[in-house]
Amino acid sequence: MDRRVTKTGKDSEGDITSLCGAWGSTSKATAIREIEASSTAYYVQDIYSRRADVHVVAGATGKYLRTDPNSSCSDNLDSLPAC
């Protein structure tokens, strides 16, 4: 199942805590489990209909979510409005 992300929840430090779209919302932990299990693909689509998939990244403080690194800021999770 593919889910387009149009908004994100963030904590006081700006870290992504949830993903939101027309389908509803899900927590970061659930999204990570679903992406790793290949049961759900989350993505961001910019105004030019370019798709950037959301991936799980292992960071120094644990797993987090991010889109494919590219030259467009409009498809970054951090640039989406709050849900």
PDB file of N, CA and C in Angstrom:
ATOM      1  N   MET A   1       0.839  -1.158   0.000  1.00  0.00           N
ATOM      2  CA  MET A   1       0.000   0.000   0.000  1.00  0.00           C
ATOM      3  C   MET A   1       0.902   1.246   0.000  1.00  0.00           C
ATOM      4  N   ASP A   2       0.561   2.229  -0.831  1.00  0.00           N
ATOM      5  CA  ASP A   2       1.290   3.488  -0.888  1.00  0.00           C
ATOM      6  C   ASP A   2       0.481   4.588  -0.214  1.00  0.00           C
ATOM      7  N   ARG A   3       1.158   5.381   0.600  1.00  0.00           N
ATOM      8  CA  ARG A   3       0.497   6.491   1.298  1.00  0.00           C
ATOM      9  C   ARG A   3       1.266   7.779   1.059  1.00  0.00           C
ATOM     10  N   ARG A   4       0.567   8.760   0.495  1.00  0.00           N
ATOM     11  CA  ARG A   4       1.184  10.070   0.267  1.00  0.00           C
ATOM     12  C   ARG A   4       1.167  10.874   1.562  1.00  0.00           C
ATOM     13  N   VAL A   5       2.320  11.352   1.957  1.00  0.00           N
ATOM     14  CA  VAL A   5       2.468  12.164   3.167  1.00  0.00           C
ATOM     15  C   VAL A   5       2.355  13.635   2.769  1.00  0.00           C
ATOM     16  N   THR A   6       1.421  14.350   3.391  1.00  0.00           N
ATOM     17  CA  THR A   6       1.230  15.768   3.081  1.00  0.00           C
ATOM     18  C   THR A   6       1.538  16.667   4.268  1.00  0.00           C
ATOM     19  N   LYS A   7       1.625  16.069   5.461  1.00  0.00           N
ATOM     20  CA  LYS A   7       1.913  16.818   6.687  1.00  0.00           C
ATOM     21  C   LYS A   7       2.723  15.931   7.622  1.00  0.00           C
ATOM     22  N   THR A   8       3.402  16.560   8.571  1.00  0.00           N
ATOM     23  CA  THR A   8       4.140  15.791   9.572  1.00  0.00           C
ATOM     24  C   THR A   8       3.936  16.390  10.952  1.00  0.00           C
ATOM     25  N   GLY A   9       3.987  15.530  11.954  1.00  0.00           N
ATOM     26  CA  GLY A   9       4.008  15.983  13.343  1.00  0.00           C
ATOM     27  C   GLY A   9       5.459  16.076  13.775  1.00  0.00           C
ATOM     28  N   LYS A  10       5.772  17.103  14.530  1.00  0.00           N
ATOM     29  CA  LYS A  10       7.153  17.296  14.991  1.00  0.00           C
ATOM     30  C   LYS A  10       7.151  17.604  16.482  1.00  0.00           C
ATOM     31  N   ASP A  11       8.227  17.198  17.156  1.00  0.00           N
ATOM     32  CA  ASP A  11       8.361  17.528  18.570  1.00  0.00           C
ATOM     33  C   ASP A  11       8.991  18.920  18.710  1.00  0.00           C
ATOM     34  N   SER A  12       9.272  19.325  19.941  1.00  0.00           N
ATOM     35  CA  SER A  12       9.797  20.674  20.199  1.00  0.00           C
ATOM     36  C   SER A  12      11.184  20.901  19.595  1.00  0.00           C
ATOM     37  N   GLU A  13      11.888  19.815  19.274  1.00  0.00           N
ATOM     38  CA  GLU A  13      13.209  19.932  18.653  1.00  0.00           C
ATOM     39  C   GLU A  13      13.141  19.832  17.133  1.00  0.00           C
ATOM     40  N   GLY A  14      11.940  19.665  16.590  1.00  0.00           N
ATOM     41  CA  GLY A  14      11.764  19.575  15.144  1.00  0.00           C
ATOM     42  C   GLY A  14      11.899  18.180  14.577  1.00  0.00           C
ATOM     43  N   ASP A  15      12.026  17.173  15.447  1.00  0.00           N
ATOM     44  CA  ASP A  15      12.120  15.788  14.979  1.00  0.00           C
ATOM     45  C   ASP A  15      10.742  15.274  14.575  1.00  0.00           C
ATOM     46  N   ILE A  16      10.679  14.498  13.504  1.00  0.00           N
ATOM     47  CA  ILE A  16       9.423  13.944  13.010  1.00  0.00           C
ATOM     48  C   ILE A  16       8.883  12.923  14.016  1.00  0.00           C
ATOM     49  N   THR A  17       7.616  13.094  14.409  1.00  0.00           N
ATOM     50  CA  THR A  17       6.967  12.174  15.342  1.00  0.00           C
ATOM     51  C   THR A  17       5.799  11.422  14.709  1.00  0.00           C
ATOM     52  N   SER A  18       5.274  11.951  13.593  1.00  0.00           N
ATOM     53  CA  SER A  18       4.166  11.293  12.914  1.00  0.00           C
ATOM     54  C   SER A  18       4.097  11.738  11.460  1.00  0.00           C
ATOM     55  N   LEU A  19       3.450  10.893  10.654  1.00  0.00           N
ATOM     56  CA  LEU A  19       3.206  11.186   9.253  1.00  0.00           C
ATOM     57  C   LEU A  19       1.698  11.278   9.050  1.00  0.00           C
ATOM     58  N   CYS A  20       1.261  12.226   8.227  1.00  0.00           N
ATOM     59  CA  CYS A  20      -0.170  12.436   8.022  1.00  0.00           C
ATOM     60  C   CYS A  20      -0.470  12.641   6.543  1.00  0.00           C
ATOM     61  N   GLY A  21      -1.693  12.280   6.165  1.00  0.00           N
ATOM     62  CA  GLY A  21      -2.149  12.466   4.786  1.00  0.00           C
ATOM     63  C   GLY A  21      -3.645  12.263   4.725  1.00  0.00           C
ATOM     64  N   ALA A  22      -4.195  12.205   3.517  1.00  0.00           N
ATOM     65  CA  ALA A  22      -5.630  12.007   3.328  1.00  0.00           C
ATOM     66  C   ALA A  22      -6.096  10.683   3.931  1.00  0.00           C
ATOM     67  N   TRP A  23      -5.188   9.745   4.106  1.00  0.00           N
ATOM     68  CA  TRP A  23      -5.468   8.421   4.668  1.00  0.00           C
ATOM     69  C   TRP A  23      -5.546   8.440   6.199  1.00  0.00           C
ATOM     70  N   GLY A  24      -5.138   9.546   6.842  1.00  0.00           N
ATOM     71  CA  GLY A  24      -5.139   9.651   8.304  1.00  0.00           C
ATOM     72  C   GLY A  24      -3.745   9.980   8.807  1.00  0.00           C
ATOM     73  N   SER A  25      -3.372   9.423   9.939  1.00  0.00           N
ATOM     74  CA  SER A  25      -2.037   9.675  10.485  1.00  0.00           C
ATOM     75  C   SER A  25      -1.501   8.402  11.135  1.00  0.00           C
ATOM     76  N   THR A  26      -0.185   8.365  11.269  1.00  0.00           N
ATOM     77  CA  THR A  26       0.469   7.230  11.910  1.00  0.00           C
ATOM     78  C   THR A  26       1.696   7.741  12.657  1.00  0.00           C
ATOM     79  N   SER A  27       2.047   7.063  13.699  1.00  0.00           N
ATOM     80  CA  SER A  27       3.209   7.465  14.480  1.00  0.00           C
ATOM     81  C   SER A  27       4.493   7.106  13.741  1.00  0.00           C
ATOM     82  N   LYS A  28       5.571   7.741  14.133  1.00  0.00           N
ATOM     83  CA  LYS A  28       6.889   7.442  13.570  1.00  0.00           C
ATOM     84  C   LYS A  28       7.223   5.964  13.762  1.00  0.00           C
ATOM     85  N   ALA A  29       6.980   5.437  14.954  1.00  0.00           N
ATOM     86  CA  ALA A  29       7.308   4.035  15.246  1.00  0.00           C
ATOM     87  C   ALA A  29       6.537   3.081  14.342  1.00  0.00           C
ATOM     88  N   THR A  30       5.257   3.343  14.131  1.00  0.00           N
ATOM     89  CA  THR A  30       4.448   2.488  13.260  1.00  0.00           C
ATOM     90  C   THR A  30       4.918   2.593  11.821  1.00  0.00           C
ATOM     91  N   ALA A  31       5.204   3.811  11.367  1.00  0.00           N
ATOM     92  CA  ALA A  31       5.688   4.005   9.998  1.00  0.00           C
ATOM     93  C   ALA A  31       7.003   3.257   9.788  1.00  0.00           C
ATOM     94  N   ILE A  32       7.899   3.318  10.750  1.00  0.00           N
ATOM     95  CA  ILE A  32       9.173   2.602  10.647  1.00  0.00           C
ATOM     96  C   ILE A  32       8.920   1.095  10.520  1.00  0.00           C
ATOM     97  N   ARG A  33       8.048   0.550  11.359  1.00  0.00           N
ATOM     98  CA  ARG A  33       7.739  -0.889  11.293  1.00  0.00           C
ATOM     99  C   ARG A  33       7.155  -1.259   9.928  1.00  0.00           C
ATOM    100  N   GLU A  34       6.227  -0.450   9.429  1.00  0.00           N
ATOM    101  CA  GLU A  34       5.569  -0.748   8.158  1.00  0.00           C
ATOM    102  C   GLU A  34       6.542  -0.644   6.972  1.00  0.00           C
ATOM    103  N   ILE A  35       7.419   0.358   6.996  1.00  0.00           N
ATOM    104  CA  ILE A  35       8.404   0.502   5.917  1.00  0.00           C
ATOM    105  C   ILE A  35       9.382  -0.668   5.947  1.00  0.00           C
ATOM    106  N   GLU A  36       9.871  -1.019   7.136  1.00  0.00           N
ATOM    107  CA  GLU A  36      10.828  -2.128   7.247  1.00  0.00           C
ATOM    108  C   GLU A  36      10.207  -3.474   6.874  1.00  0.00           C
ATOM    109  N   ALA A  37       8.914  -3.629   7.101  1.00  0.00           N
ATOM    110  CA  ALA A  37       8.222  -4.872   6.742  1.00  0.00           C
ATOM    111  C   ALA A  37       7.747  -4.862   5.288  1.00  0.00           C
ATOM    112  N   SER A  38       7.976  -3.757   4.601  1.00  0.00           N
ATOM    113  CA  SER A  38       7.539  -3.573   3.207  1.00  0.00           C
ATOM    114  C   SER A  38       6.033  -3.725   3.052  1.00  0.00           C
ATOM    115  N   SER A  39       5.279  -3.426   4.107  1.00  0.00           N
ATOM    116  CA  SER A  39       3.825  -3.516   4.024  1.00  0.00           C
ATOM    117  C   SER A  39       3.198  -2.200   3.572  1.00  0.00           C
ATOM    118  N   THR A  40       3.879  -1.094   3.802  1.00  0.00           N
ATOM    119  CA  THR A  40       3.390   0.221   3.411  1.00  0.00           C
ATOM    120  C   THR A  40       4.564   1.056   2.926  1.00  0.00           C
ATOM    121  N   ALA A  41       4.354   1.765   1.827  1.00  0.00           N
ATOM    122  CA  ALA A  41       5.360   2.707   1.318  1.00  0.00           C
ATOM    123  C   ALA A  41       4.805   4.114   1.528  1.00  0.00           C
ATOM    124  N   TYR A  42       5.565   4.950   2.186  1.00  0.00           N
ATOM    125  CA  TYR A  42       5.194   6.350   2.387  1.00  0.00           C
ATOM    126  C   TYR A  42       6.020   7.196   1.427  1.00  0.00           C
ATOM    127  N   TYR A  43       5.404   8.258   0.915  1.00  0.00           N
ATOM    128  CA  TYR A  43       6.115   9.114  -0.017  1.00  0.00           C
ATOM    129  C   TYR A  43       5.599  10.545   0.065  1.00  0.00           C
ATOM    130  N   VAL A  44       6.413  11.463  -0.427  1.00  0.00           N
ATOM    131  CA  VAL A  44       6.049  12.871  -0.544  1.00  0.00           C
ATOM    132  C   VAL A  44       6.070  13.186  -2.026  1.00  0.00           C
ATOM    133  N   GLN A  45       5.094  13.967  -2.470  1.00  0.00           N
ATOM    134  CA  GLN A  45       5.036  14.352  -3.875  1.00  0.00           C
ATOM    135  C   GLN A  45       5.059  15.864  -3.966  1.00  0.00           C
ATOM    136  N   ASP A  46       5.961  16.401  -4.776  1.00  0.00           N
ATOM    137  CA  ASP A  46       6.061  17.860  -4.881  1.00  0.00           C
ATOM    138  C   ASP A  46       5.071  18.396  -5.915  1.00  0.00           C
ATOM    139  N   ILE A  47       5.105  19.686  -6.146  1.00  0.00           N
ATOM    140  CA  ILE A  47       4.127  20.318  -7.044  1.00  0.00           C
ATOM    141  C   ILE A  47       4.316  19.907  -8.503  1.00  0.00           C
ATOM    142  N   TYR A  48       5.456  19.327  -8.819  1.00  0.00           N
ATOM    143  CA  TYR A  48       5.728  18.862 -10.180  1.00  0.00           C
ATOM    144  C   TYR A  48       5.453  17.362 -10.325  1.00  0.00           C
ATOM    145  N   SER A  49       4.791  16.785  -9.332  1.00  0.00           N
ATOM    146  CA  SER A  49       4.430  15.360  -9.291  1.00  0.00           C
ATOM    147  C   SER A  49       5.635  14.437  -9.181  1.00  0.00           C
ATOM    148  N   ARG A  50       6.774  14.974  -8.721  1.00  0.00           N
ATOM    149  CA  ARG A  50       7.942  14.118  -8.475  1.00  0.00           C
ATOM    150  C   ARG A  50       7.768  13.456  -7.114  1.00  0.00           C
ATOM    151  N   ARG A  51       8.025  12.182  -7.069  1.00  0.00           N
ATOM    152  CA  ARG A  51       7.841  11.390  -5.855  1.00  0.00           C
ATOM    153  C   ARG A  51       9.170  11.180  -5.147  1.00  0.00           C
ATOM    154  N   ALA A  52       9.155  11.383  -3.840  1.00  0.00           N
ATOM    155  CA  ALA A  52      10.319  11.092  -3.001  1.00  0.00           C
ATOM    156  C   ALA A  52       9.855  10.111  -1.929  1.00  0.00           C
ATOM    157  N   ASP A  53      10.399   8.903  -1.951  1.00  0.00           N
ATOM    158  CA  ASP A  53      10.017   7.886  -0.978  1.00  0.00           C
ATOM    159  C   ASP A  53      10.595   8.204   0.402  1.00  0.00           C
ATOM    160  N   VAL A  54       9.851   7.815   1.431  1.00  0.00           N
ATOM    161  CA  VAL A  54      10.311   7.966   2.812  1.00  0.00           C
ATOM    162  C   VAL A  54      11.055   6.688   3.183  1.00  0.00           C
ATOM    163  N   HIS A  55      12.248   6.861   3.747  1.00  0.00           N
ATOM    164  CA  HIS A  55      13.090   5.731   4.133  1.00  0.00           C
ATOM    165  C   HIS A  55      13.389   5.765   5.628  1.00  0.00           C
ATOM    166  N   VAL A  56      13.728   4.617   6.169  1.00  0.00           N
ATOM    167  CA  VAL A  56      14.177   4.498   7.554  1.00  0.00           C
ATOM    168  C   VAL A  56      15.698   4.596   7.546  1.00  0.00           C
ATOM    169  N   VAL A  57      16.218   5.461   8.405  1.00  0.00           N
ATOM    170  CA  VAL A  57      17.660   5.662   8.506  1.00  0.00           C
ATOM    171  C   VAL A  57      18.083   5.375   9.945  1.00  0.00           C
ATOM    172  N   ALA A  58      19.182   4.657  10.112  1.00  0.00           N
ATOM    173  CA  ALA A  58      19.715   4.380  11.451  1.00  0.00           C
ATOM    174  C   ALA A  58      20.675   5.510  11.816  1.00  0.00           C
ATOM    175  N   GLY A  59      20.280   6.311  12.794  1.00  0.00           N
ATOM    176  CA  GLY A  59      21.111   7.416  13.251  1.00  0.00           C
ATOM    177  C   GLY A  59      21.792   7.096  14.570  1.00  0.00           C
ATOM    178  N   ALA A  60      22.584   8.023  15.038  1.00  0.00           N
ATOM    179  CA  ALA A  60      23.323   7.832  16.294  1.00  0.00           C
ATOM    180  C   ALA A  60      22.392   7.676  17.495  1.00  0.00           C
ATOM    181  N   THR A  61      21.202   8.271  17.422  1.00  0.00           N
ATOM    182  CA  THR A  61      20.258   8.199  18.548  1.00  0.00           C
ATOM    183  C   THR A  61      19.064   7.299  18.251  1.00  0.00           C
ATOM    184  N   GLY A  62      19.138   6.526  17.185  1.00  0.00           N
ATOM    185  CA  GLY A  62      18.045   5.616  16.846  1.00  0.00           C
ATOM    186  C   GLY A  62      17.562   5.827  15.424  1.00  0.00           C
ATOM    187  N   LYS A  63      16.542   5.100  15.068  1.00  0.00           N
ATOM    188  CA  LYS A  63      16.004   5.165  13.708  1.00  0.00           C
ATOM    189  C   LYS A  63      15.169   6.425  13.530  1.00  0.00           C
ATOM    190  N   TYR A  64      15.233   6.960  12.303  1.00  0.00           N
ATOM    191  CA  TYR A  64      14.401   8.115  11.972  1.00  0.00           C
ATOM    192  C   TYR A  64      13.964   8.007  10.519  1.00  0.00           C
ATOM    193  N   LEU A  65      13.064   8.902  10.115  1.00  0.00           N
ATOM    194  CA  LEU A  65      12.502   8.885   8.770  1.00  0.00           C
ATOM    195  C   LEU A  65      13.038  10.055   7.966  1.00  0.00           C
ATOM    196  N   ARG A  66      13.303   9.819   6.683  1.00  0.00           N
ATOM    197  CA  ARG A  66      13.677  10.910   5.791  1.00  0.00           C
ATOM    198  C   ARG A  66      13.350  10.513   4.362  1.00  0.00           C
ATOM    199  N   THR A  67      13.242  11.512   3.499  1.00  0.00           N
ATOM    200  CA  THR A  67      13.022  11.256   2.082  1.00  0.00           C
ATOM    201  C   THR A  67      14.368  11.092   1.387  1.00  0.00           C
ATOM    202  N   ASP A  68      14.315  10.629   0.152  1.00  0.00           N
ATOM    203  CA  ASP A  68      15.532  10.508  -0.646  1.00  0.00           C
ATOM    204  C   ASP A  68      16.231  11.862  -0.707  1.00  0.00           C
ATOM    205  N   PRO A  69      17.516  11.919  -0.430  1.00  0.00           N
ATOM    206  CA  PRO A  69      18.235  13.184  -0.576  1.00  0.00           C
ATOM    207  C   PRO A  69      18.270  13.592  -2.056  1.00  0.00           C
ATOM    208  N   ASN A  70      17.884  14.825  -2.320  1.00  0.00           N
ATOM    209  CA  ASN A  70      17.939  15.346  -3.687  1.00  0.00           C
ATOM    210  C   ASN A  70      18.051  16.866  -3.628  1.00  0.00           C
ATOM    211  N   SER A  71      17.941  17.509  -4.751  1.00  0.00           N
ATOM    212  CA  SER A  71      18.120  18.966  -4.805  1.00  0.00           C
ATOM    213  C   SER A  71      16.843  19.744  -4.522  1.00  0.00           C
ATOM    214  N   SER A  72      15.727  19.068  -4.269  1.00  0.00           N
ATOM    215  CA  SER A  72      14.458  19.745  -4.031  1.00  0.00           C
ATOM    216  C   SER A  72      14.139  19.801  -2.540  1.00  0.00           C
ATOM    217  N   CYS A  73      13.833  20.985  -2.055  1.00  0.00           N
ATOM    218  CA  CYS A  73      13.432  21.138  -0.645  1.00  0.00           C
ATOM    219  C   CYS A  73      11.952  20.864  -0.450  1.00  0.00           C
ATOM    220  N   SER A  74      11.158  20.991  -1.521  1.00  0.00           N
ATOM    221  CA  SER A  74       9.707  20.879  -1.376  1.00  0.00           C
ATOM    222  C   SER A  74       9.240  19.477  -1.046  1.00  0.00           C
ATOM    223  N   ASP A  75      10.102  18.475  -1.196  1.00  0.00           N
ATOM    224  CA  ASP A  75       9.691  17.100  -0.880  1.00  0.00           C
ATOM    225  C   ASP A  75      10.359  16.565   0.388  1.00  0.00           C
ATOM    226  N   ASN A  76      10.923  17.441   1.185  1.00  0.00           N
ATOM    227  CA  ASN A  76      11.535  17.024   2.449  1.00  0.00           C
ATOM    228  C   ASN A  76      10.482  16.969   3.549  1.00  0.00           C
ATOM    229  N   LEU A  77      10.551  15.982   4.407  1.00  0.00           N
ATOM    230  CA  LEU A  77       9.579  15.864   5.496  1.00  0.00           C
ATOM    231  C   LEU A  77       9.586  17.107   6.386  1.00  0.00           C
ATOM    232  N   ASP A  78      10.769  17.677   6.627  1.00  0.00           N
ATOM    233  CA  ASP A  78      10.856  18.857   7.485  1.00  0.00           C
ATOM    234  C   ASP A  78      10.136  20.069   6.927  1.00  0.00           C
ATOM    235  N   SER A  79       9.954  20.132   5.614  1.00  0.00           N
ATOM    236  CA  SER A  79       9.330  21.308   5.014  1.00  0.00           C
ATOM    237  C   SER A  79       7.808  21.203   4.924  1.00  0.00           C
ATOM    238  N   LEU A  80       7.248  20.059   5.300  1.00  0.00           N
ATOM    239  CA  LEU A  80       5.790  19.890   5.238  1.00  0.00           C
ATOM    240  C   LEU A  80       5.120  20.584   6.421  1.00  0.00           C
ATOM    241  N   PRO A  81       3.868  21.055   6.225  1.00  0.00           N
ATOM    242  CA  PRO A  81       3.145  21.686   7.342  1.00  0.00           C
ATOM    243  C   PRO A  81       2.816  20.682   8.444  1.00  0.00           C
ATOM    244  N   ALA A  82       2.478  21.212   9.601  1.00  0.00           N
ATOM    245  CA  ALA A  82       2.154  20.376  10.767  1.00  0.00           C
ATOM    246  C   ALA A  82       0.783  19.724  10.612  1.00  0.00           C
ATOM    247  N   CYS A  83       0.678  18.490  11.176  1.00  0.00           N
ATOM    248  CA  CYS A  83      -0.625  17.816  11.178  1.00  0.00           C
ATOM    249  C   CYS A  83      -1.217  17.814  12.568  1.00  0.00           C
TER     250      CYS A  83
END
